[in-house]
Amino acid sequence: MGGSLKEELGVLDGEPFVSLLSKLIGESRYVQNNPPELVPQEDRVVSHLLDALAPYSKEQGGPLLLNHASFVEGRGNLIVEYPGTVPGKVLSFVGSHMDVVTANPDDWDFDPFSLSVEGDKLRGRGTTDCLGHVALLTELMKRLAQVKPTLKCTVVAVFIANEENSSILGVGVDALVTAGLLNKLKDGPLFWIDTADKQPCIGTGGMIAWKLRATGKLFHSGLPHKTVNPLELAMEALKEIQSRFYRDFPPHPMEKVYGFATPSTMKPTQWTYPGGGVNQIPAECTISGDCSPDAIKAVTADTLLQASIPHLECCTPKLSSCKKSSMKSLSSLLLSPFLDMLLGTYCLTYGCIFVFSSPIDVAKKLEKYVDEINNNIEKLDTRGPVSKYVVPEENLTGRLHITFDEDMKPGVACSLDSLGYHVLCKATEEVVGYVKPYSITGSLPLIRELQDEGFDVQTAGYGLMSTYHAKNEYCLLPDMEQGFRIFVSIISRLEEAAN
């Protein structure tokens, strides 16, 4: 059954794939997502998908069920279903989104908004993230409709709107979940197709943005003993906060198990202040930075030790001491560098924290650090003989204030003992020749929300991580061809499991 199904579905036909991708990249200018200036119109992409799939729809005598689900005008999602014969048996490919990040043609070596082909390179904004996957899955669903194999499992592809920006909600996968349109997908593995490099991505970072403001008093720099210098206060306070952070969130053995490249980090990247002359000590300032954590959620050491993960064998001895106890919930926080903004005249610190804890727990810890520093501010290290944070004769005490962005995103840790994970690994090894799951400290939005709703989410992708959100973005046609074969192998293996 497995071999014959693979033979029936065959391999990717490069010509129609590239033709469709060319049409999608031609729309990339209009699906850039950076509101309020750039609000994507994903229906421009949907129209091309419907042109390719509608001839195989149930309305036209074919097997496909098409649902153009739209909650905001011009910004639709498309659910494509190839029905199976057994109720409750389903597998789905979700996450391939029809919006893209912005591109400035002046910075590129070629036109980002039209597909160009250079050997195996397919070049343009969205080829890797994520219009290449949209075209690839469209070709998969079209192939199923053409061949019409009898499957026990229903195969569903969900093309989503509004993945690249969360400032506007109620448009994409969040709206689909709220409307109950994805409920049936909980009955089987959900493969989120929006990563890269042809390997299973089993963990991602989350996001927490933090802002640290230091206040003193505007004064002449020739009389530094008469004021509190907020720049010095911010630097010394951040040093103390970082020291406490790394003490409270040290490297965790599970980071190696999931393949994270770094432990929890918290670092400054920007300064802002109200301005003034070089001979003026400012009244306030803020440092900006980012923090990157990952998330392993409700995974026990027993589960990891029992999981079939060949490349992780060297890590298992480190788990022996905690084998009998459930590991704490782990999460990732990544503060994006695009959070480059001024709030009023404040100079703010944005943080990207990579930690094994929930975002709320991290925020509470950081608040505690700041409160304790404020309550003992005279004990904070100073800089030089006249540097101080309390000036009694001026009735002046320096102060720190930390705030957080409301949109705190926890990280994601995929289940390592689910059928979906093992099928993805086996299919990858079969097609690529090896399997090496990895984790990233970057943030993938929406996935954790699906996990929390009860979906078994696994993630993969067939573009290139090196061109993700980058200028001169491209993907490789042979990688996409392997992605198609992996999809076919997944369907075949799940059919075998259903038998």
Protein backbone atom coordinates (compact mmCIF):
# COMPACT_ATOMS: atom_id res chain seq x y z
CA MET A 1 0.00 0.00 0.00
CA GLY A 2 2.72 2.49 1.02
CA GLY A 3 4.94 1.88 -2.01
CA SER A 4 2.07 1.90 -4.52
CA LEU A 5 0.67 5.13 -3.09
CA LYS A 6 4.07 6.78 -3.45
CA GLU A 7 4.25 5.59 -7.03
CA GLU A 8 0.74 6.88 -7.72
CA LEU A 9 1.44 10.35 -6.35
CA GLY A 10 4.90 10.50 -7.86
CA VAL A 11 7.20 13.50 -7.65
CA LEU A 12 6.82 17.24 -8.04
CA ASP A 13 6.24 18.45 -11.59
CA GLY A 14 8.61 21.41 -11.67
CA GLU A 15 7.03 23.31 -14.56
CA PRO A 16 3.54 23.94 -13.10
CA PHE A 17 5.09 24.52 -9.65
CA VAL A 18 7.40 27.24 -10.93
CA SER A 19 4.60 28.71 -13.03
CA LEU A 20 2.30 28.98 -10.00
CA LEU A 21 5.09 30.31 -7.81
CA SER A 22 5.80 32.99 -10.41
CA LYS A 23 2.20 34.18 -10.14
CA LEU A 24 2.37 34.23 -6.32
CA ILE A 25 5.67 36.13 -6.17
CA GLY A 26 4.09 38.58 -8.61
CA GLU A 27 1.59 39.38 -5.84
CA SER A 28 4.22 39.70 -3.08
CA ARG A 29 4.29 43.50 -3.38
CA TYR A 30 0.63 43.54 -2.37
CA VAL A 31 0.86 41.07 0.51
CA GLN A 32 3.64 42.76 2.50
CA ASN A 33 2.56 42.85 6.13
CA ASN A 34 3.62 45.92 8.08
CA PRO A 35 0.51 47.86 9.18
CA PRO A 36 -0.65 50.52 9.15
CA GLU A 37 1.42 51.41 6.08
CA LEU A 38 1.27 47.98 4.45
CA VAL A 39 -1.81 45.81 5.01
CA PRO A 40 -1.71 42.65 2.88
CA GLN A 41 -4.50 41.60 0.57
CA GLU A 42 -4.12 37.84 0.76
CA ASP A 43 -7.10 37.25 -1.52
CA ARG A 44 -4.82 38.20 -4.41
CA VAL A 45 -2.93 34.97 -3.66
CA VAL A 46 -6.11 32.99 -2.96
CA SER A 47 -7.38 33.79 -6.45
CA HIS A 48 -4.39 32.02 -8.02
CA LEU A 49 -4.83 29.01 -5.74
CA LEU A 50 -8.50 28.77 -6.69
CA ASP A 51 -7.58 28.99 -10.38
CA ALA A 52 -5.34 25.95 -9.86
CA LEU A 53 -7.67 23.93 -7.62
CA ALA A 54 -11.24 24.88 -8.56
CA PRO A 55 -11.29 22.56 -11.64
CA TYR A 56 -10.87 19.67 -9.17
CA SER A 57 -13.48 20.88 -6.69
CA LYS A 58 -16.61 19.00 -5.75
CA GLU A 59 -18.65 21.66 -7.56
CA GLN A 60 -16.79 20.81 -10.78
CA GLY A 61 -17.13 17.05 -10.30
CA GLY A 62 -13.80 16.57 -8.53
CA PRO A 63 -12.95 15.36 -5.00
CA LEU A 64 -11.67 18.57 -3.38
CA LEU A 65 -13.65 20.54 -0.82
CA LEU A 66 -12.67 24.22 -0.95
CA ASN A 67 -13.54 26.73 1.77
CA HIS A 68 -12.51 30.34 1.21
CA ALA A 69 -12.88 31.53 4.81
CA SER A 70 -12.66 35.28 5.16
CA PHE A 71 -13.15 37.40 8.29
CA VAL A 72 -11.80 40.67 6.91
CA GLU A 73 -12.51 41.90 3.40
CA GLY A 74 -9.72 41.01 0.99
CA ARG A 75 -7.86 38.95 3.59
CA GLY A 76 -9.13 35.41 3.23
CA ASN A 77 -7.83 31.97 4.20
CA LEU A 78 -8.24 28.85 2.08
CA ILE A 79 -9.00 25.37 3.46
CA VAL A 80 -8.53 22.54 0.95
CA GLU A 81 -9.72 19.04 1.85
CA TYR A 82 -9.22 15.71 0.13
CA PRO A 83 -11.74 13.44 1.90
CA GLY A 84 -10.75 10.06 3.29
CA THR A 85 -13.01 7.11 3.91
CA VAL A 86 -12.65 6.70 7.70
CA PRO A 87 -14.26 9.32 9.95
CA GLY A 88 -11.84 10.73 12.51
CA LYS A 89 -8.72 9.88 10.50
CA VAL A 90 -7.05 13.09 9.38
CA LEU A 91 -3.68 14.69 8.71
CA SER A 92 -3.16 18.32 7.91
CA PHE A 93 -0.60 20.72 6.51
CA VAL A 94 -1.12 24.16 8.04
CA GLY A 95 0.88 27.35 8.46
CA SER A 96 1.88 28.13 4.90
CA HIS A 97 0.95 31.78 4.85
CA MET A 98 0.10 34.13 2.04
CA ASP A 99 1.59 37.33 3.51
CA VAL A 100 5.28 38.27 3.44
CA VAL A 101 7.65 40.59 5.25
CA THR A 102 8.58 43.85 3.57
CA ALA A 103 11.26 44.19 0.90
CA ASN A 104 13.02 47.34 -0.33
CA PRO A 105 13.94 46.87 -4.02
CA ASP A 106 16.81 49.34 -3.63
CA ASP A 107 18.55 46.91 -1.25
CA TRP A 108 18.18 43.84 -3.45
CA ASP A 109 20.33 42.58 -6.32
CA PHE A 110 17.18 41.60 -8.22
CA ASP A 111 13.50 42.52 -8.24
CA PRO A 112 11.98 41.08 -5.05
CA PHE A 113 8.45 41.27 -6.46
CA SER A 114 8.88 39.03 -9.50
CA LEU A 115 10.19 35.50 -9.67
CA SER A 116 13.59 35.08 -11.29
CA VAL A 117 15.30 31.75 -11.90
CA GLU A 118 19.05 31.26 -11.69
CA GLY A 119 19.92 27.60 -12.05
CA ASP A 120 18.20 25.85 -9.13
CA LYS A 121 17.60 29.14 -7.34
CA LEU A 122 14.02 30.47 -7.32
CA ARG A 123 14.44 34.10 -6.28
CA GLY A 124 11.98 36.63 -4.87
CA ARG A 125 10.26 37.76 -1.67
CA GLY A 126 8.29 34.84 -0.29
CA THR A 127 10.10 32.00 -2.07
CA THR A 128 11.36 30.63 1.27
CA ASP A 129 8.85 32.35 3.58
CA CYS A 130 6.31 31.26 2.66
CA LEU A 131 4.80 31.48 -0.82
CA GLY A 132 7.08 28.67 -1.95
CA HIS A 133 5.33 26.37 0.51
CA VAL A 134 1.94 27.69 -0.58
CA ALA A 135 2.70 26.72 -4.18
CA LEU A 136 4.17 23.37 -3.10
CA LEU A 137 1.12 22.32 -1.06
CA THR A 138 -1.20 23.52 -3.81
CA GLU A 139 0.58 21.16 -6.21
CA LEU A 140 0.26 18.34 -3.64
CA MET A 141 -3.50 18.82 -3.28
CA LYS A 142 -3.89 19.09 -7.04
CA ARG A 143 -1.97 15.84 -7.48
CA LEU A 144 -4.24 14.06 -4.99
CA ALA A 145 -7.27 15.34 -6.89
CA GLN A 146 -5.85 14.19 -10.22
CA VAL A 147 -4.79 10.70 -9.08
CA LYS A 148 -7.76 10.16 -6.74
CA PRO A 149 -6.21 7.51 -4.48
CA THR A 150 -8.53 5.85 -1.98
CA LEU A 151 -7.29 7.01 1.42
CA LYS A 152 -8.52 6.24 4.89
CA CYS A 153 -7.13 9.56 6.14
CA THR A 154 -8.57 12.90 5.11
CA VAL A 155 -5.78 15.20 3.91
CA VAL A 156 -6.24 18.92 4.60
CA ALA A 157 -4.14 21.91 3.56
CA VAL A 158 -4.81 25.25 5.23
CA PHE A 159 -3.38 28.39 3.63
CA ILE A 160 -3.49 31.22 6.14
CA ALA A 161 -3.54 35.00 6.16
CA ASN A 162 -1.77 37.36 8.56
CA GLU A 163 1.14 35.33 9.91
CA GLU A 164 3.87 37.97 9.73
CA ASN A 165 2.33 40.56 12.06
CA SER A 166 0.17 40.24 15.17
CA SER A 167 -0.90 43.87 15.59
CA ILE A 168 -4.15 43.06 13.77
CA LEU A 169 -6.00 39.98 15.02
CA GLY A 170 -9.08 38.06 13.91
CA VAL A 171 -7.81 37.53 10.36
CA GLY A 172 -5.84 34.29 10.05
CA VAL A 173 -5.42 31.04 11.94
CA ASP A 174 -6.62 32.61 15.20
CA ALA A 175 -9.95 33.42 13.57
CA LEU A 176 -10.16 29.96 11.99
CA VAL A 177 -9.69 28.32 15.40
CA THR A 178 -12.23 30.63 17.05
CA ALA A 179 -14.76 29.83 14.33
CA GLY A 180 -14.21 26.09 14.86
CA LEU A 181 -13.13 25.55 11.26
CA LEU A 182 -10.04 23.56 12.27
CA ASN A 183 -11.60 21.43 15.00
CA LYS A 184 -11.48 18.19 12.99
CA LEU A 185 -7.70 18.60 12.60
CA LYS A 186 -7.28 17.72 16.29
CA ASP A 187 -7.95 14.09 15.36
CA GLY A 188 -4.54 13.68 13.70
CA PRO A 189 -1.08 15.22 13.35
CA LEU A 190 -0.87 18.80 12.18
CA PHE A 191 2.27 19.66 10.22
CA TRP A 192 3.08 23.38 10.36
CA ILE A 193 4.93 24.05 7.10
CA ASP A 194 6.77 27.32 7.68
CA THR A 195 10.32 26.61 8.79
CA ALA A 196 13.37 25.74 6.69
CA ASP A 197 16.34 23.50 5.87
CA LYS A 198 14.36 20.27 5.36
CA GLN A 199 14.61 19.02 8.94
CA PRO A 200 11.98 18.79 11.71
CA CYS A 201 12.00 21.92 13.87
CA ILE A 202 11.02 20.71 17.35
CA GLY A 203 11.35 23.88 19.42
CA THR A 204 11.14 27.62 18.91
CA GLY A 205 11.57 30.78 20.91
CA GLY A 206 8.81 32.89 22.35
CA MET A 207 8.69 36.64 22.79
CA ILE A 208 8.70 39.15 25.61
CA ALA A 209 9.46 42.83 25.12
CA TRP A 210 10.70 44.80 28.13
CA LYS A 211 11.51 48.46 28.62
CA LEU A 212 13.79 49.73 31.36
CA ARG A 213 13.63 53.47 32.08
CA ALA A 214 16.07 55.26 34.41
CA THR A 215 15.33 58.74 35.77
CA GLY A 216 17.54 61.34 37.41
CA LYS A 217 17.61 65.11 36.91
CA LEU A 218 18.63 67.34 34.00
CA PHE A 219 21.76 69.21 35.09
CA HIS A 220 25.03 70.74 33.94
CA SER A 221 27.66 68.07 33.38
CA GLY A 222 30.26 70.23 35.15
CA LEU A 223 28.39 69.67 38.42
CA PRO A 224 27.76 65.90 38.38
CA HIS A 225 27.68 65.72 42.19
CA LYS A 226 24.44 67.74 42.16
CA THR A 227 22.38 65.20 40.25
CA VAL A 228 21.73 61.55 39.48
CA ASN A 229 23.08 60.51 36.10
CA PRO A 230 20.41 58.20 34.58
CA LEU A 231 22.88 56.84 32.02
CA GLU A 232 25.15 55.54 34.77
CA LEU A 233 22.17 54.30 36.74
CA ALA A 234 20.78 52.41 33.74
CA MET A 235 24.12 50.79 32.92
CA GLU A 236 24.84 49.62 36.45
CA ALA A 237 21.25 48.51 37.02
CA LEU A 238 21.20 46.50 33.80
CA LYS A 239 24.45 44.83 34.77
CA GLU A 240 22.89 43.81 38.09
CA ILE A 241 19.65 42.67 36.42
CA GLN A 242 21.57 40.56 33.91
CA SER A 243 23.68 38.98 36.65
CA ARG A 244 20.56 37.98 38.57
CA PHE A 245 18.86 36.78 35.41
CA TYR A 246 21.69 34.42 34.47
CA ARG A 247 21.86 33.17 38.04
CA ASP A 248 18.13 32.42 38.10
CA PHE A 249 17.95 31.04 34.54
CA PRO A 250 21.17 29.05 34.01
CA PRO A 251 21.73 26.68 31.07
CA HIS A 252 19.34 23.72 31.23
CA PRO A 253 20.17 20.16 30.11
CA MET A 254 16.97 20.02 28.07
CA GLU A 255 18.36 22.73 25.78
CA LYS A 256 20.80 20.20 24.35
CA VAL A 257 18.11 17.55 24.06
CA TYR A 258 16.01 19.85 21.90
CA GLY A 259 19.03 21.16 20.01
CA PHE A 260 18.92 24.82 20.99
CA ALA A 261 22.10 26.64 19.99
CA THR A 262 22.21 28.94 23.03
CA PRO A 263 20.95 29.00 26.61
CA SER A 264 18.78 31.76 28.02
CA THR A 265 20.15 35.19 27.13
CA MET A 266 19.25 38.76 28.04
CA LYS A 267 21.11 41.58 26.33
CA PRO A 268 20.86 45.32 25.51
CA THR A 269 20.93 46.51 21.89
CA GLN A 270 19.77 50.16 21.83
CA TRP A 271 19.80 53.43 23.75
CA THR A 272 17.36 56.32 23.60
CA TYR A 273 17.21 59.58 25.55
CA PRO A 274 15.40 62.93 25.17
CA GLY A 275 18.38 64.73 23.63
CA GLY A 276 20.31 67.79 24.75
CA GLY A 277 23.81 69.22 24.72
CA VAL A 278 26.96 67.23 25.32
CA ASN A 279 27.46 69.26 28.50
CA GLN A 280 24.08 68.25 29.89
CA ILE A 281 23.30 65.20 32.02
CA PRO A 282 19.87 64.09 30.81
CA ALA A 283 16.88 63.64 33.09
CA GLU A 284 16.09 60.13 31.85
CA CYS A 285 17.10 57.42 29.43
CA THR A 286 16.22 53.91 28.37
CA ILE A 287 18.31 51.01 27.08
CA SER A 288 16.85 48.71 24.44
CA GLY A 289 17.80 45.12 23.88
CA ASP A 290 16.52 41.65 23.15
CA CYS A 291 16.13 38.35 24.95
CA SER A 292 15.87 34.87 23.43
CA PRO A 293 14.41 31.81 25.26
CA ASP A 294 13.01 28.45 24.08
CA ALA A 295 10.16 26.32 25.35
CA ILE A 296 9.79 22.71 26.31
CA LYS A 297 6.31 22.14 27.55
CA ALA A 298 5.22 19.31 29.83
CA VAL A 299 7.85 16.89 28.56
CA THR A 300 9.17 14.27 30.97
CA ALA A 301 12.64 12.82 30.95
CA ASP A 302 11.06 9.36 30.62
CA THR A 303 9.39 10.47 27.39
CA LEU A 304 12.67 11.75 25.99
CA LEU A 305 14.58 8.63 26.95
CA GLN A 306 11.96 6.42 25.33
CA ALA A 307 11.67 8.52 22.18
CA SER A 308 13.44 7.26 19.07
CA ILE A 309 15.78 10.15 18.38
CA PRO A 310 19.13 8.78 17.18
CA HIS A 311 20.99 12.09 17.17
CA LEU A 312 20.05 12.70 20.81
CA GLU A 313 21.56 9.53 22.25
CA CYS A 314 24.62 11.41 23.48
CA CYS A 315 22.36 13.64 25.56
CA THR A 316 20.46 10.95 27.43
CA PRO A 317 23.04 10.34 30.19
CA LYS A 318 22.60 13.91 31.29
CA LEU A 319 18.92 13.18 31.85
CA SER A 320 19.46 10.19 34.08
CA SER A 321 19.40 12.24 37.27
CA CYS A 322 15.97 13.65 36.44
CA LYS A 323 14.51 10.58 34.75
CA LYS A 324 11.89 9.96 37.39
CA SER A 325 10.65 13.51 37.71
CA SER A 326 8.65 15.63 35.35
CA MET A 327 10.62 18.53 33.91
CA LYS A 328 9.37 22.03 34.50
CA SER A 329 7.60 23.85 31.70
CA LEU A 330 10.05 25.64 29.45
CA SER A 331 9.45 28.63 27.27
CA SER A 332 11.23 30.94 24.91
CA LEU A 333 11.13 34.67 24.63
CA LEU A 334 12.47 36.48 21.64
CA LEU A 335 12.37 40.26 21.42
CA SER A 336 12.41 41.26 17.83
CA PRO A 337 14.85 43.94 16.65
CA PHE A 338 12.03 45.66 14.75
CA LEU A 339 10.76 46.93 18.09
CA ASP A 340 12.82 50.06 17.49
CA MET A 341 10.52 52.73 18.82
CA LEU A 342 10.41 55.65 21.18
CA LEU A 343 7.66 55.94 23.74
CA GLY A 344 7.36 59.67 24.31
CA THR A 345 10.83 60.93 25.24
CA TYR A 346 11.78 57.78 27.11
CA CYS A 347 14.79 55.71 26.18
CA LEU A 348 13.65 52.10 26.41
CA THR A 349 15.21 48.67 26.71
CA TYR A 350 13.55 45.88 24.81
CA GLY A 351 14.68 42.48 25.88
CA CYS A 352 14.84 39.14 24.21
CA ILE A 353 15.01 36.54 26.96
CA PHE A 354 15.77 32.90 26.25
CA VAL A 355 14.51 31.06 29.31
CA PHE A 356 12.92 27.89 30.56
CA SER A 357 9.97 29.55 32.25
CA SER A 358 6.71 31.19 31.24
CA PRO A 359 6.82 34.79 30.01
CA ILE A 360 4.75 35.92 32.98
CA ASP A 361 7.17 34.23 35.39
CA VAL A 362 10.09 35.97 33.71
CA ALA A 363 8.34 39.33 33.83
CA LYS A 364 7.66 38.90 37.54
CA LYS A 365 11.31 38.05 38.14
CA LEU A 366 12.49 41.14 36.28
CA GLU A 367 10.02 43.30 38.19
CA LYS A 368 11.35 41.86 41.43
CA TYR A 369 14.92 42.65 40.44
CA VAL A 370 13.99 46.26 39.70
CA ASP A 371 12.00 46.65 42.92
CA GLU A 372 14.88 45.35 44.99
CA ILE A 373 17.35 47.64 43.27
CA ASN A 374 15.07 50.64 43.81
CA ASN A 375 14.67 49.75 47.50
CA ASN A 376 18.43 49.52 47.95
CA ILE A 377 19.58 51.92 45.28
CA GLU A 378 22.36 53.40 47.43
CA LYS A 379 24.04 49.95 47.39
CA LEU A 380 24.21 49.78 43.58
CA ASP A 381 27.70 50.14 42.15
CA THR A 382 28.61 53.68 41.08
CA ARG A 383 31.10 55.12 38.58
CA GLY A 384 33.76 57.36 40.07
CA PRO A 385 34.04 59.47 43.25
CA VAL A 386 31.05 61.75 42.58
CA SER A 387 28.70 59.23 40.96
CA LYS A 388 25.68 58.59 43.17
CA TYR A 389 22.01 57.67 42.96
CA VAL A 390 20.82 59.50 46.09
CA VAL A 391 21.47 63.26 46.52
CA PRO A 392 19.90 64.27 49.89
CA GLU A 393 20.65 67.99 49.57
CA GLU A 394 18.72 68.06 46.30
CA ASN A 395 15.97 65.78 47.67
CA LEU A 396 16.72 63.53 44.70
CA THR A 397 16.74 59.76 44.32
CA GLY A 398 17.25 57.94 41.04
CA ARG A 399 14.59 55.49 39.99
CA LEU A 400 14.15 52.56 37.63
CA HIS A 401 10.91 51.52 35.96
CA ILE A 402 10.38 48.37 33.89
CA THR A 403 7.37 47.66 31.67
CA PHE A 404 6.48 44.89 29.24
CA ASP A 405 4.78 44.63 25.90
CA GLU A 406 1.30 43.14 26.26
CA ASP A 407 1.93 40.57 23.53
CA MET A 408 4.04 38.06 25.47
CA LYS A 409 4.52 34.91 23.42
CA PRO A 410 5.57 31.62 25.02
CA GLY A 411 7.79 29.28 23.09
CA VAL A 412 6.96 25.98 21.45
CA ALA A 413 8.17 22.46 22.13
CA CYS A 414 6.81 19.74 19.89
CA SER A 415 5.90 16.36 21.33
CA LEU A 416 8.71 13.88 20.73
CA ASP A 417 6.55 10.80 21.25
CA SER A 418 3.66 11.58 18.92
CA LEU A 419 2.90 9.63 15.76
CA GLY A 420 3.25 12.83 13.75
CA TYR A 421 6.80 13.41 14.99
CA HIS A 422 7.96 9.87 14.22
CA VAL A 423 6.34 9.88 10.78
CA LEU A 424 7.96 13.23 9.93
CA CYS A 425 11.37 11.96 11.06
CA LYS A 426 11.07 8.72 9.08
CA ALA A 427 9.88 10.53 5.96
CA THR A 428 12.71 13.05 6.23
CA GLU A 429 15.31 10.32 6.65
CA GLU A 430 13.90 8.40 3.71
CA VAL A 431 14.00 11.37 1.32
CA VAL A 432 16.89 13.55 2.54
CA GLY A 433 19.10 10.68 3.69
CA TYR A 434 19.36 11.68 7.33
CA VAL A 435 17.26 13.28 10.06
CA LYS A 436 18.54 15.83 12.55
CA PRO A 437 15.75 17.70 14.37
CA TYR A 438 16.69 21.16 15.59
CA SER A 439 15.32 24.08 17.57
CA ILE A 440 15.60 27.81 16.97
CA THR A 441 15.58 30.71 19.39
CA GLY A 442 13.57 32.74 16.92
CA SER A 443 9.84 32.98 17.41
CA LEU A 444 7.19 31.28 15.30
CA PRO A 445 3.82 32.87 16.08
CA LEU A 446 0.51 31.02 16.37
CA ILE A 447 1.88 27.49 16.91
CA ARG A 448 1.74 27.54 20.70
CA GLU A 449 -1.85 28.74 20.52
CA LEU A 450 -2.68 25.67 18.43
CA GLN A 451 -0.93 23.42 20.94
CA ASP A 452 -2.90 24.99 23.76
CA GLU A 453 -6.09 24.28 21.80
CA GLY A 454 -5.23 20.58 21.67
CA PHE A 455 -3.54 20.20 18.26
CA ASP A 456 -0.55 17.86 17.84
CA VAL A 457 1.75 20.27 16.02
CA GLN A 458 4.97 19.31 14.23
CA THR A 459 6.92 21.81 12.15
CA ALA A 460 9.06 21.62 9.03
CA GLY A 461 9.92 23.62 5.93
CA TYR A 462 11.86 23.39 2.70
CA GLY A 463 13.17 26.89 2.09
CA LEU A 464 16.50 28.19 3.36
CA MET A 465 17.00 29.55 6.88
CA SER A 466 19.86 31.71 5.57
CA THR A 467 17.43 33.72 3.41
CA TYR A 468 14.53 33.91 5.89
CA HIS A 469 13.31 37.55 6.10
CA ALA A 470 16.54 38.54 4.34
CA LYS A 471 17.26 40.55 1.25
CA ASN A 472 17.87 38.53 -1.93
CA GLU A 473 15.59 35.77 -0.65
CA TYR A 474 15.50 32.53 -2.61
CA CYS A 475 14.75 28.83 -2.30
CA LEU A 476 16.12 25.84 -4.20
CA LEU A 477 13.96 23.80 -6.55
CA PRO A 478 15.60 20.47 -5.50
CA ASP A 479 14.72 21.25 -1.86
CA MET A 480 11.10 21.86 -2.80
CA GLU A 481 11.11 18.62 -4.79
CA GLN A 482 12.30 16.79 -1.68
CA GLY A 483 9.59 18.55 0.34
CA PHE A 484 6.95 17.18 -2.03
CA ARG A 485 8.34 13.66 -1.63
CA ILE A 486 8.34 14.05 2.17
CA PHE A 487 4.67 15.08 2.07
CA VAL A 488 3.88 12.01 -0.02
CA SER A 489 5.83 9.78 2.38
CA ILE A 490 3.97 11.24 5.36
CA ILE A 491 0.62 10.51 3.75
CA SER A 492 1.74 6.98 2.84
CA ARG A 493 3.08 6.21 6.33
CA LEU A 494 -0.05 7.50 8.04
CA GLU A 495 -2.11 5.36 5.70
CA GLU A 496 -0.07 2.36 6.78
CA ALA A 497 -0.62 3.31 10.43
CA ALA A 498 -4.35 3.58 9.78
CA ASN A 499 -4.30 -0.01 8.51
